Amino acid sequence: LTVNAMTTADTVLVPIQCEYYALEGLSDLMYTIELVKSRLNEK
């Protein structure tokens, strides 16, 4: 579902909560965005 959204999108907006674990998992999301960009949606 997320991949479908990212192949459709021009951009991804990322909300981050102001709490201690804010950066947790963010690297995974950035990796997914880069993967989608390189393989499915270069824009």
PDB file of all heavy atoms in Angstrom:
ATOM      1  N   LEU A   1       0.840  -1.206   0.000  1.00  0.00           N
ATOM      2  CA  LEU A   1       0.000   0.000   0.000  1.00  0.00           C
ATOM      3  C   LEU A   1       0.870   1.249   0.000  1.00  0.00           C
ATOM      4  O   LEU A   1       0.617   2.206  -0.739  1.00  0.00           O
ATOM      5  CB  LEU A   1      -0.920   0.002   1.230  1.00  0.00           C
ATOM      6  CG  LEU A   1      -1.889  -1.182   1.367  1.00  0.00           C
ATOM      7  CD1 LEU A   1      -2.668  -1.080   2.679  1.00  0.00           C
ATOM      8  CD2 LEU A   1      -2.848  -1.253   0.181  1.00  0.00           C
ATOM      9  N   THR A   2       1.921   1.234   0.841  1.00  0.00           N
ATOM     10  CA  THR A   2       2.838   2.380   0.913  1.00  0.00           C
ATOM     11  C   THR A   2       3.595   2.543  -0.402  1.00  0.00           C
ATOM     12  O   THR A   2       3.767   3.658  -0.894  1.00  0.00           O
ATOM     13  CB  THR A   2       3.823   2.199   2.082  1.00  0.00           C
ATOM     14  OG1 THR A   2       3.089   2.006   3.280  1.00  0.00           O
ATOM     15  CG2 THR A   2       4.714   3.416   2.257  1.00  0.00           C
ATOM     16  N   VAL A   3       4.040   1.423  -0.962  1.00  0.00           N
ATOM     17  CA  VAL A   3       4.766   1.472  -2.242  1.00  0.00           C
ATOM     18  C   VAL A   3       3.864   2.031  -3.343  1.00  0.00           C
ATOM     19  O   VAL A   3       4.292   2.867  -4.148  1.00  0.00           O
ATOM     20  CB  VAL A   3       5.326   0.078  -2.624  1.00  0.00           C
ATOM     21  CG1 VAL A   3       5.892   0.086  -4.042  1.00  0.00           C
ATOM     22  CG2 VAL A   3       6.418  -0.338  -1.638  1.00  0.00           C
ATOM     23  N   ASN A   4       2.594   1.625  -3.375  1.00  0.00           N
ATOM     24  CA  ASN A   4       1.635   2.186  -4.340  1.00  0.00           C
ATOM     25  C   ASN A   4       1.512   3.692  -4.182  1.00  0.00           C
ATOM     26  O   ASN A   4       1.459   4.437  -5.166  1.00  0.00           O
ATOM     27  CB  ASN A   4       0.261   1.527  -4.167  1.00  0.00           C
ATOM     28  CG  ASN A   4      -0.054   0.531  -5.266  1.00  0.00           C
ATOM     29  OD1 ASN A   4      -0.524   0.894  -6.337  1.00  0.00           O
ATOM     30  ND2 ASN A   4       0.234  -0.733  -5.001  1.00  0.00           N
ATOM     31  N   ALA A   5       1.451   4.138  -2.923  1.00  0.00           N
ATOM     32  CA  ALA A   5       1.356   5.582  -2.653  1.00  0.00           C
ATOM     33  C   ALA A   5       2.601   6.309  -3.155  1.00  0.00           C
ATOM     34  O   ALA A   5       2.510   7.386  -3.749  1.00  0.00           O
ATOM     35  CB  ALA A   5       1.169   5.818  -1.161  1.00  0.00           C
ATOM     36  N   MET A   6       3.774   5.695  -2.940  1.00  0.00           N
ATOM     37  CA  MET A   6       5.033   6.356  -3.319  1.00  0.00           C
ATOM     38  C   MET A   6       5.284   6.343  -4.824  1.00  0.00           C
ATOM     39  O   MET A   6       5.937   7.237  -5.350  1.00  0.00           O
ATOM     40  CB  MET A   6       6.205   5.727  -2.572  1.00  0.00           C
ATOM     41  CG  MET A   6       6.225   6.091  -1.101  1.00  0.00           C
ATOM     42  SD  MET A   6       7.700   5.456  -0.287  1.00  0.00           S
ATOM     43  CE  MET A   6       7.336   5.883   1.429  1.00  0.00           C
ATOM     44  N   THR A   7       4.779   5.334  -5.520  1.00  0.00           N
ATOM     45  CA  THR A   7       4.939   5.345  -6.980  1.00  0.00           C
ATOM     46  C   THR A   7       3.993   6.380  -7.607  1.00  0.00           C
ATOM     47  O   THR A   7       4.250   6.893  -8.688  1.00  0.00           O
ATOM     48  CB  THR A   7       4.642   3.957  -7.611  1.00  0.00           C
ATOM     49  OG1 THR A   7       3.372   3.511  -7.170  1.00  0.00           O
ATOM     50  CG2 THR A   7       5.691   2.945  -7.254  1.00  0.00           C
ATOM     51  N   THR A   8       2.914   6.710  -6.882  1.00  0.00           N
ATOM     52  CA  THR A   8       1.932   7.696  -7.354  1.00  0.00           C
ATOM     53  C   THR A   8       2.396   9.115  -7.040  1.00  0.00           C
ATOM     54  O   THR A   8       2.121  10.050  -7.792  1.00  0.00           O
ATOM     55  CB  THR A   8       0.573   7.451  -6.658  1.00  0.00           C
ATOM     56  OG1 THR A   8       0.200   6.091  -6.838  1.00  0.00           O
ATOM     57  CG2 THR A   8      -0.515   8.343  -7.222  1.00  0.00           C
ATOM     58  N   ALA A   9       3.100   9.276  -5.925  1.00  0.00           N
ATOM     59  CA  ALA A   9       3.422  10.607  -5.382  1.00  0.00           C
ATOM     60  C   ALA A   9       4.554  11.308  -6.116  1.00  0.00           C
ATOM     61  O   ALA A   9       5.424  10.681  -6.713  1.00  0.00           O
ATOM     62  CB  ALA A   9       3.775  10.470  -3.903  1.00  0.00           C
ATOM     63  N   ASP A  10       4.515  12.631  -6.031  1.00  0.00           N
ATOM     64  CA  ASP A  10       5.649  13.454  -6.468  1.00  0.00           C
ATOM     65  C   ASP A  10       6.633  13.583  -5.309  1.00  0.00           C
ATOM     66  O   ASP A  10       7.846  13.606  -5.509  1.00  0.00           O
ATOM     67  CB  ASP A  10       5.175  14.856  -6.880  1.00  0.00           C
ATOM     68  CG  ASP A  10       4.153  14.801  -8.011  1.00  0.00           C
ATOM     69  OD1 ASP A  10       4.437  14.134  -9.024  1.00  0.00           O
ATOM     70  OD2 ASP A  10       3.067  15.403  -7.872  1.00  0.00           O
ATOM     71  N   THR A  11       6.060  13.688  -4.098  1.00  0.00           N
ATOM     72  CA  THR A  11       6.903  13.887  -2.920  1.00  0.00           C
ATOM     73  C   THR A  11       6.337  13.115  -1.718  1.00  0.00           C
ATOM     74  O   THR A  11       5.171  12.736  -1.709  1.00  0.00           O
ATOM     75  CB  THR A  11       6.981  15.377  -2.532  1.00  0.00           C
ATOM     76  OG1 THR A  11       5.652  15.872  -2.304  1.00  0.00           O
ATOM     77  CG2 THR A  11       7.663  16.220  -3.585  1.00  0.00           C
ATOM     78  N   VAL A  12       7.197  12.911  -0.719  1.00  0.00           N
ATOM     79  CA  VAL A  12       6.784  12.269   0.538  1.00  0.00           C
ATOM     80  C   VAL A  12       6.989  13.257   1.679  1.00  0.00           C
ATOM     81  O   VAL A  12       8.085  13.803   1.850  1.00  0.00           O
ATOM     82  CB  VAL A  12       7.602  10.984   0.827  1.00  0.00           C
ATOM     83  CG1 VAL A  12       7.118  10.333   2.117  1.00  0.00           C
ATOM     84  CG2 VAL A  12       7.497   9.997  -0.326  1.00  0.00           C
ATOM     85  N   LEU A  13       5.920  13.495   2.436  1.00  0.00           N
ATOM     86  CA  LEU A  13       6.000  14.358   3.617  1.00  0.00           C
ATOM     87  C   LEU A  13       6.076  13.449   4.852  1.00  0.00           C
ATOM     88  O   LEU A  13       5.271  12.527   4.977  1.00  0.00           O
ATOM     89  CB  LEU A  13       4.772  15.261   3.692  1.00  0.00           C
ATOM     90  CG  LEU A  13       4.780  16.243   4.857  1.00  0.00           C
ATOM     91  CD1 LEU A  13       4.799  17.668   4.337  1.00  0.00           C
ATOM     92  CD2 LEU A  13       3.556  16.079   5.729  1.00  0.00           C
ATOM     93  N   VAL A  14       7.045  13.703   5.708  1.00  0.00           N
ATOM     94  CA  VAL A  14       7.281  12.818   6.855  1.00  0.00           C
ATOM     95  C   VAL A  14       7.010  13.549   8.173  1.00  0.00           C
ATOM     96  O   VAL A  14       7.762  14.447   8.549  1.00  0.00           O
ATOM     97  CB  VAL A  14       8.746  12.295   6.857  1.00  0.00           C
ATOM     98  CG1 VAL A  14       8.958  11.302   7.992  1.00  0.00           C
ATOM     99  CG2 VAL A  14       9.108  11.674   5.511  1.00  0.00           C
ATOM    100  N   PRO A  15       5.933  13.191   8.875  1.00  0.00           N
ATOM    101  CA  PRO A  15       5.701  13.777  10.199  1.00  0.00           C
ATOM    102  C   PRO A  15       6.562  13.057  11.244  1.00  0.00           C
ATOM    103  O   PRO A  15       6.673  11.830  11.217  1.00  0.00           O
ATOM    104  CB  PRO A  15       4.207  13.511  10.474  1.00  0.00           C
ATOM    105  CG  PRO A  15       3.678  12.833   9.248  1.00  0.00           C
ATOM    106  CD  PRO A  15       4.836  12.286   8.504  1.00  0.00           C
ATOM    107  N   ILE A  16       7.170  13.834  12.124  1.00  0.00           N
ATOM    108  CA  ILE A  16       7.987  13.258  13.202  1.00  0.00           C
ATOM    109  C   ILE A  16       7.509  13.814  14.536  1.00  0.00           C
ATOM    110  O   ILE A  16       7.400  15.032  14.704  1.00  0.00           O
ATOM    111  CB  ILE A  16       9.482  13.614  13.023  1.00  0.00           C
ATOM    112  CG1 ILE A  16      10.045  12.924  11.782  1.00  0.00           C
ATOM    113  CG2 ILE A  16      10.284  13.210  14.242  1.00  0.00           C
ATOM    114  CD1 ILE A  16      11.517  13.176  11.590  1.00  0.00           C
ATOM    115  N   GLN A  17       7.223  12.912  15.459  1.00  0.00           N
ATOM    116  CA  GLN A  17       6.787  13.321  16.793  1.00  0.00           C
ATOM    117  C   GLN A  17       7.989  13.800  17.600  1.00  0.00           C
ATOM    118  O   GLN A  17       9.075  13.219  17.511  1.00  0.00           O
ATOM    119  CB  GLN A  17       6.125  12.136  17.495  1.00  0.00           C
ATOM    120  CG  GLN A  17       5.493  12.499  18.821  1.00  0.00           C
ATOM    121  CD  GLN A  17       4.825  11.295  19.474  1.00  0.00           C
ATOM    122  OE1 GLN A  17       4.801  10.209  18.908  1.00  0.00           O
ATOM    123  NE2 GLN A  17       4.307  11.487  20.655  1.00  0.00           N
ATOM    124  N   CYS A  18       7.791  14.858  18.358  1.00  0.00           N
ATOM    125  CA  CYS A  18       8.880  15.390  19.191  1.00  0.00           C
ATOM    126  C   CYS A  18       9.034  14.541  20.456  1.00  0.00           C
ATOM    127  O   CYS A  18       8.596  14.922  21.545  1.00  0.00           O
ATOM    128  CB  CYS A  18       8.605  16.845  19.552  1.00  0.00           C
ATOM    129  SG  CYS A  18       8.739  17.949  18.143  1.00  0.00           S
ATOM    130  N   GLU A  19       9.629  13.368  20.292  1.00  0.00           N
ATOM    131  CA  GLU A  19       9.860  12.498  21.434  1.00  0.00           C
ATOM    132  C   GLU A  19      11.216  11.802  21.273  1.00  0.00           C
ATOM    133  O   GLU A  19      11.842  11.881  20.214  1.00  0.00           O
ATOM    134  CB  GLU A  19       8.737  11.451  21.553  1.00  0.00           C
ATOM    135  CG  GLU A  19       8.574  10.594  20.321  1.00  0.00           C
ATOM    136  CD  GLU A  19       8.019   9.223  20.639  1.00  0.00           C
ATOM    137  OE1 GLU A  19       7.089   9.112  21.436  1.00  0.00           O
ATOM    138  OE2 GLU A  19       8.535   8.253  20.049  1.00  0.00           O
ATOM    139  N   TYR A  20      11.635  11.095  22.293  1.00  0.00           N
ATOM    140  CA  TYR A  20      12.986  10.531  22.358  1.00  0.00           C
ATOM    141  C   TYR A  20      13.313   9.615  21.175  1.00  0.00           C
ATOM    142  O   TYR A  20      14.422   9.620  20.667  1.00  0.00           O
ATOM    143  CB  TYR A  20      13.152   9.772  23.683  1.00  0.00           C
ATOM    144  CG  TYR A  20      14.552   9.252  23.892  1.00  0.00           C
ATOM    145  CD1 TYR A  20      15.620  10.134  24.131  1.00  0.00           C
ATOM    146  CD2 TYR A  20      14.816   7.889  23.837  1.00  0.00           C
ATOM    147  CE1 TYR A  20      16.899   9.661  24.315  1.00  0.00           C
ATOM    148  CE2 TYR A  20      16.093   7.405  24.024  1.00  0.00           C
ATOM    149  CZ  TYR A  20      17.137   8.288  24.264  1.00  0.00           C
ATOM    150  OH  TYR A  20      18.408   7.812  24.443  1.00  0.00           O
ATOM    151  N   TYR A  21      12.340   8.803  20.749  1.00  0.00           N
ATOM    152  CA  TYR A  21      12.606   7.833  19.688  1.00  0.00           C
ATOM    153  C   TYR A  21      12.264   8.364  18.292  1.00  0.00           C
ATOM    154  O   TYR A  21      11.987   7.602  17.388  1.00  0.00           O
ATOM    155  CB  TYR A  21      11.812   6.538  19.939  1.00  0.00           C
ATOM    156  CG  TYR A  21      12.261   5.805  21.172  1.00  0.00           C
ATOM    157  CD1 TYR A  21      11.430   5.707  22.286  1.00  0.00           C
ATOM    158  CD2 TYR A  21      13.520   5.207  21.231  1.00  0.00           C
ATOM    159  CE1 TYR A  21      11.844   5.041  23.424  1.00  0.00           C
ATOM    160  CE2 TYR A  21      13.941   4.539  22.369  1.00  0.00           C
ATOM    161  CZ  TYR A  21      13.103   4.449  23.471  1.00  0.00           C
ATOM    162  OH  TYR A  21      13.514   3.795  24.594  1.00  0.00           O
ATOM    163  N   ALA A  22      12.283   9.666  18.133  1.00  0.00           N
ATOM    164  CA  ALA A  22      11.854  10.280  16.870  1.00  0.00           C
ATOM    165  C   ALA A  22      12.617   9.750  15.658  1.00  0.00           C
ATOM    166  O   ALA A  22      12.045   9.556  14.590  1.00  0.00           O
ATOM    167  CB  ALA A  22      12.008  11.791  16.953  1.00  0.00           C
ATOM    168  N   LEU A  23      13.924   9.529  15.831  1.00  0.00           N
ATOM    169  CA  LEU A  23      14.740   9.115  14.692  1.00  0.00           C
ATOM    170  C   LEU A  23      14.684   7.615  14.426  1.00  0.00           C
ATOM    171  O   LEU A  23      15.165   7.144  13.402  1.00  0.00           O
ATOM    172  CB  LEU A  23      16.205   9.533  14.908  1.00  0.00           C
ATOM    173  CG  LEU A  23      16.490  11.037  14.771  1.00  0.00           C
ATOM    174  CD1 LEU A  23      17.859  11.373  15.279  1.00  0.00           C
ATOM    175  CD2 LEU A  23      16.346  11.482  13.333  1.00  0.00           C
ATOM    176  N   GLU A  24      14.065   6.883  15.375  1.00  0.00           N
ATOM    177  CA  GLU A  24      13.995   5.428  15.234  1.00  0.00           C
ATOM    178  C   GLU A  24      13.131   5.057  14.021  1.00  0.00           C
ATOM    179  O   GLU A  24      12.018   5.517  13.866  1.00  0.00           O
ATOM    180  CB  GLU A  24      13.368   4.827  16.498  1.00  0.00           C
ATOM    181  CG  GLU A  24      13.510   3.326  16.602  1.00  0.00           C
ATOM    182  CD  GLU A  24      12.855   2.803  17.877  1.00  0.00           C
ATOM    183  OE1 GLU A  24      11.628   2.667  17.876  1.00  0.00           O
ATOM    184  OE2 GLU A  24      13.572   2.574  18.862  1.00  0.00           O
ATOM    185  N   GLY A  25      13.660   4.215  13.175  1.00  0.00           N
ATOM    186  CA  GLY A  25      12.896   3.766  12.004  1.00  0.00           C
ATOM    187  C   GLY A  25      12.928   4.733  10.836  1.00  0.00           C
ATOM    188  O   GLY A  25      12.515   4.397   9.731  1.00  0.00           O
ATOM    189  N   LEU A  26      13.444   5.942  11.097  1.00  0.00           N
ATOM    190  CA  LEU A  26      13.450   6.939  10.024  1.00  0.00           C
ATOM    191  C   LEU A  26      14.411   6.543   8.905  1.00  0.00           C
ATOM    192  O   LEU A  26      14.134   6.781   7.735  1.00  0.00           O
ATOM    193  CB  LEU A  26      13.830   8.307  10.601  1.00  0.00           C
ATOM    194  CG  LEU A  26      13.319   9.514   9.829  1.00  0.00           C
ATOM    195  CD1 LEU A  26      11.811   9.489   9.691  1.00  0.00           C
ATOM    196  CD2 LEU A  26      13.766  10.797  10.484  1.00  0.00           C
ATOM    197  N   SER A  27      15.520   5.901   9.267  1.00  0.00           N
ATOM    198  CA  SER A  27      16.479   5.467   8.247  1.00  0.00           C
ATOM    199  C   SER A  27      15.849   4.412   7.332  1.00  0.00           C
ATOM    200  O   SER A  27      16.116   4.382   6.132  1.00  0.00           O
ATOM    201  CB  SER A  27      17.757   4.929   8.897  1.00  0.00           C
ATOM    202  OG  SER A  27      17.441   3.871   9.771  1.00  0.00           O
ATOM    203  N   ASP A  28      14.969   3.554   7.910  1.00  0.00           N
ATOM    204  CA  ASP A  28      14.266   2.549   7.093  1.00  0.00           C
ATOM    205  C   ASP A  28      13.352   3.228   6.083  1.00  0.00           C
ATOM    206  O   ASP A  28      13.262   2.809   4.926  1.00  0.00           O
ATOM    207  CB  ASP A  28      13.418   1.614   7.977  1.00  0.00           C
ATOM    208  CG  ASP A  28      14.278   0.712   8.839  1.00  0.00           C
ATOM    209  OD1 ASP A  28      15.457   0.532   8.491  1.00  0.00           O
ATOM    210  OD2 ASP A  28      13.780   0.195   9.849  1.00  0.00           O
ATOM    211  N   LEU A  29      12.662   4.270   6.541  1.00  0.00           N
ATOM    212  CA  LEU A  29      11.749   4.997   5.661  1.00  0.00           C
ATOM    213  C   LEU A  29      12.532   5.678   4.534  1.00  0.00           C
ATOM    214  O   LEU A  29      12.140   5.613   3.364  1.00  0.00           O
ATOM    215  CB  LEU A  29      10.955   6.037   6.454  1.00  0.00           C
ATOM    216  CG  LEU A  29       9.983   6.911   5.652  1.00  0.00           C
ATOM    217  CD1 LEU A  29       8.888   6.076   4.999  1.00  0.00           C
ATOM    218  CD2 LEU A  29       9.357   7.986   6.531  1.00  0.00           C
ATOM    219  N   MET A  30      13.650   6.315   4.898  1.00  0.00           N
ATOM    220  CA  MET A  30      14.479   6.990   3.886  1.00  0.00           C
ATOM    221  C   MET A  30      15.011   5.974   2.865  1.00  0.00           C
ATOM    222  O   MET A  30      15.060   6.249   1.667  1.00  0.00           O
ATOM    223  CB  MET A  30      15.662   7.722   4.551  1.00  0.00           C
ATOM    224  CG  MET A  30      15.239   8.833   5.483  1.00  0.00           C
ATOM    225  SD  MET A  30      14.256  10.090   4.639  1.00  0.00           S
ATOM    226  CE  MET A  30      13.720  11.077   6.017  1.00  0.00           C
ATOM    227  N   TYR A  31      15.381   4.776   3.361  1.00  0.00           N
ATOM    228  CA  TYR A  31      15.876   3.723   2.477  1.00  0.00           C
ATOM    229  C   TYR A  31      14.771   3.294   1.499  1.00  0.00           C
ATOM    230  O   TYR A  31      15.017   3.127   0.308  1.00  0.00           O
ATOM    231  CB  TYR A  31      16.345   2.520   3.306  1.00  0.00           C
ATOM    232  CG  TYR A  31      16.735   1.325   2.476  1.00  0.00           C
ATOM    233  CD1 TYR A  31      17.926   1.316   1.748  1.00  0.00           C
ATOM    234  CD2 TYR A  31      15.900   0.201   2.399  1.00  0.00           C
ATOM    235  CE1 TYR A  31      18.281   0.221   0.963  1.00  0.00           C
ATOM    236  CE2 TYR A  31      16.243  -0.894   1.622  1.00  0.00           C
ATOM    237  CZ  TYR A  31      17.435  -0.880   0.909  1.00  0.00           C
ATOM    238  OH  TYR A  31      17.772  -1.971   0.132  1.00  0.00           O
ATOM    239  N   THR A  32      13.538   3.140   2.015  1.00  0.00           N
ATOM    240  CA  THR A  32      12.409   2.744   1.168  1.00  0.00           C
ATOM    241  C   THR A  32      12.146   3.802   0.097  1.00  0.00           C
ATOM    242  O   THR A  32      11.921   3.482  -1.072  1.00  0.00           O
ATOM    243  CB  THR A  32      11.131   2.536   2.018  1.00  0.00           C
ATOM    244  OG1 THR A  32      11.392   1.546   3.000  1.00  0.00           O
ATOM    245  CG2 THR A  32       9.956   2.090   1.168  1.00  0.00           C
ATOM    246  N   ILE A  33      12.170   5.071   0.511  1.00  0.00           N
ATOM    247  CA  ILE A  33      11.941   6.165  -0.443  1.00  0.00           C
ATOM    248  C   ILE A  33      12.999   6.126  -1.556  1.00  0.00           C
ATOM    249  O   ILE A  33      12.676   6.241  -2.742  1.00  0.00           O
ATOM    250  CB  ILE A  33      11.935   7.535   0.275  1.00  0.00           C
ATOM    251  CG1 ILE A  33      10.711   7.639   1.200  1.00  0.00           C
ATOM    252  CG2 ILE A  33      11.938   8.687  -0.729  1.00  0.00           C
ATOM    253  CD1 ILE A  33      10.733   8.820   2.164  1.00  0.00           C
ATOM    254  N   GLU A  34      14.262   5.924  -1.171  1.00  0.00           N
ATOM    255  CA  GLU A  34      15.346   5.861  -2.160  1.00  0.00           C
ATOM    256  C   GLU A  34      15.189   4.655  -3.085  1.00  0.00           C
ATOM    257  O   GLU A  34      15.451   4.729  -4.285  1.00  0.00           O
ATOM    258  CB  GLU A  34      16.717   5.812  -1.456  1.00  0.00           C
ATOM    259  CG  GLU A  34      17.168   7.145  -0.892  1.00  0.00           C
ATOM    260  CD  GLU A  34      17.173   8.258  -1.942  1.00  0.00           C
ATOM    261  OE1 GLU A  34      17.668   8.037  -3.071  1.00  0.00           O
ATOM    262  OE2 GLU A  34      16.663   9.365  -1.652  1.00  0.00           O
ATOM    263  N   LEU A  35      14.740   3.527  -2.510  1.00  0.00           N
ATOM    264  CA  LEU A  35      14.533   2.304  -3.289  1.00  0.00           C
ATOM    265  C   LEU A  35      13.420   2.494  -4.319  1.00  0.00           C
ATOM    266  O   LEU A  35      13.562   2.122  -5.490  1.00  0.00           O
ATOM    267  CB  LEU A  35      14.173   1.156  -2.334  1.00  0.00           C
ATOM    268  CG  LEU A  35      14.462  -0.273  -2.795  1.00  0.00           C
ATOM    269  CD1 LEU A  35      15.956  -0.447  -3.070  1.00  0.00           C
ATOM    270  CD2 LEU A  35      14.006  -1.271  -1.741  1.00  0.00           C
ATOM    271  N   VAL A  36      12.312   3.089  -3.861  1.00  0.00           N
ATOM    272  CA  VAL A  36      11.188   3.367  -4.771  1.00  0.00           C
ATOM    273  C   VAL A  36      11.644   4.327  -5.869  1.00  0.00           C
ATOM    274  O   VAL A  36      11.317   4.157  -7.047  1.00  0.00           O
ATOM    275  CB  VAL A  36       9.966   3.932  -4.005  1.00  0.00           C
ATOM    276  CG1 VAL A  36       8.897   4.430  -4.983  1.00  0.00           C
ATOM    277  CG2 VAL A  36       9.379   2.882  -3.073  1.00  0.00           C
ATOM    278  N   LYS A  37      12.438   5.320  -5.472  1.00  0.00           N
ATOM    279  CA  LYS A  37      12.924   6.305  -6.446  1.00  0.00           C
ATOM    280  C   LYS A  37      13.815   5.641  -7.500  1.00  0.00           C
ATOM    281  O   LYS A  37      13.682   5.911  -8.695  1.00  0.00           O
ATOM    282  CB  LYS A  37      13.703   7.416  -5.720  1.00  0.00           C
ATOM    283  CG  LYS A  37      14.232   8.470  -6.675  1.00  0.00           C
ATOM    284  CD  LYS A  37      14.834   9.648  -5.960  1.00  0.00           C
ATOM    285  CE  LYS A  37      15.344  10.653  -6.989  1.00  0.00           C
ATOM    286  NZ  LYS A  37      15.697  11.930  -6.408  1.00  0.00           N
ATOM    287  N   SER A  38      14.698   4.761  -7.072  1.00  0.00           N
ATOM    288  CA  SER A  38      15.647   4.154  -8.014  1.00  0.00           C
ATOM    289  C   SER A  38      14.987   3.095  -8.911  1.00  0.00           C
ATOM    290  O   SER A  38      15.415   2.884 -10.038  1.00  0.00           O
ATOM    291  CB  SER A  38      16.835   3.547  -7.268  1.00  0.00           C
ATOM    292  OG  SER A  38      16.399   2.491  -6.437  1.00  0.00           O
ATOM    293  N   ARG A  39      13.934   2.445  -8.416  1.00  0.00           N
ATOM    294  CA  ARG A  39      13.366   1.328  -9.180  1.00  0.00           C
ATOM    295  C   ARG A  39      11.982   1.574  -9.773  1.00  0.00           C
ATOM    296  O   ARG A  39      11.611   0.939 -10.753  1.00  0.00           O
ATOM    297  CB  ARG A  39      13.304   0.087  -8.287  1.00  0.00           C
ATOM    298  CG  ARG A  39      14.683  -0.343  -7.809  1.00  0.00           C
ATOM    299  CD  ARG A  39      14.652  -1.669  -7.126  1.00  0.00           C
ATOM    300  NE  ARG A  39      15.967  -2.026  -6.639  1.00  0.00           N
ATOM    301  CZ  ARG A  39      16.243  -3.124  -5.977  1.00  0.00           C
ATOM    302  NH1 ARG A  39      15.290  -3.988  -5.722  1.00  0.00           N
ATOM    303  NH2 ARG A  39      17.475  -3.388  -5.563  1.00  0.00           N
ATOM    304  N   LEU A  40      11.204   2.455  -9.153  1.00  0.00           N
ATOM    305  CA  LEU A  40       9.800   2.569  -9.570  1.00  0.00           C
ATOM    306  C   LEU A  40       9.341   3.976  -9.939  1.00  0.00           C
ATOM    307  O   LEU A  40       8.433   4.145 -10.737  1.00  0.00           O
ATOM    308  CB  LEU A  40       8.886   2.039  -8.439  1.00  0.00           C
ATOM    309  CG  LEU A  40       9.069   0.574  -8.029  1.00  0.00           C
ATOM    310  CD1 LEU A  40       8.355   0.310  -6.712  1.00  0.00           C
ATOM    311  CD2 LEU A  40       8.548  -0.357  -9.106  1.00  0.00           C
ATOM    312  N   ASN A  41       9.933   4.996  -9.300  1.00  0.00           N
ATOM    313  CA  ASN A  41       9.461   6.368  -9.521  1.00  0.00           C
ATOM    314  C   ASN A  41      10.628   7.335  -9.387  1.00  0.00           C
ATOM    315  O   ASN A  41      10.894   7.876  -8.318  1.00  0.00           O
ATOM    316  CB  ASN A  41       8.360   6.702  -8.497  1.00  0.00           C
ATOM    317  CG  ASN A  41       7.824   8.123  -8.652  1.00  0.00           C
ATOM    318  OD1 ASN A  41       8.175   8.833  -9.586  1.00  0.00           O
ATOM    319  ND2 ASN A  41       6.973   8.546  -7.721  1.00  0.00           N
ATOM    320  N   GLU A  42      11.305   7.547 -10.500  1.00  0.00           N
ATOM    321  CA  GLU A  42      12.546   8.345 -10.461  1.00  0.00           C
ATOM    322  C   GLU A  42      12.317   9.810 -10.084  1.00  0.00           C
ATOM    323  O   GLU A  42      13.254  10.516  -9.716  1.00  0.00           O
ATOM    324  CB  GLU A  42      13.270   8.258 -11.812  1.00  0.00           C
ATOM    325  CG  GLU A  42      12.464   8.783 -12.976  1.00  0.00           C
ATOM    326  CD  GLU A  42      13.189   8.639 -14.321  1.00  0.00           C
ATOM    327  OE1 GLU A  42      14.098   7.802 -14.404  1.00  0.00           O
ATOM    328  OE2 GLU A  42      12.824   9.378 -15.252  1.00  0.00           O
ATOM    329  N   LYS A  43      11.045  10.260 -10.167  1.00  0.00           N
ATOM    330  CA  LYS A  43      10.751  11.664  -9.843  1.00  0.00           C
ATOM    331  C   LYS A  43      10.475  11.876  -8.347  1.00  0.00           C
ATOM    332  O   LYS A  43      10.294  13.004  -7.897  1.00  0.00           O
ATOM    333  CB  LYS A  43       9.544  12.140 -10.653  1.00  0.00           C
ATOM    334  CG  LYS A  43       9.833  12.211 -12.151  1.00  0.00           C
ATOM    335  CD  LYS A  43       8.608  12.629 -12.929  1.00  0.00           C
ATOM    336  CE  LYS A  43       8.913  12.667 -14.426  1.00  0.00           C
ATOM    337  NZ  LYS A  43       7.695  12.889 -15.211  1.00  0.00           N
TER     338      LYS A  43
END
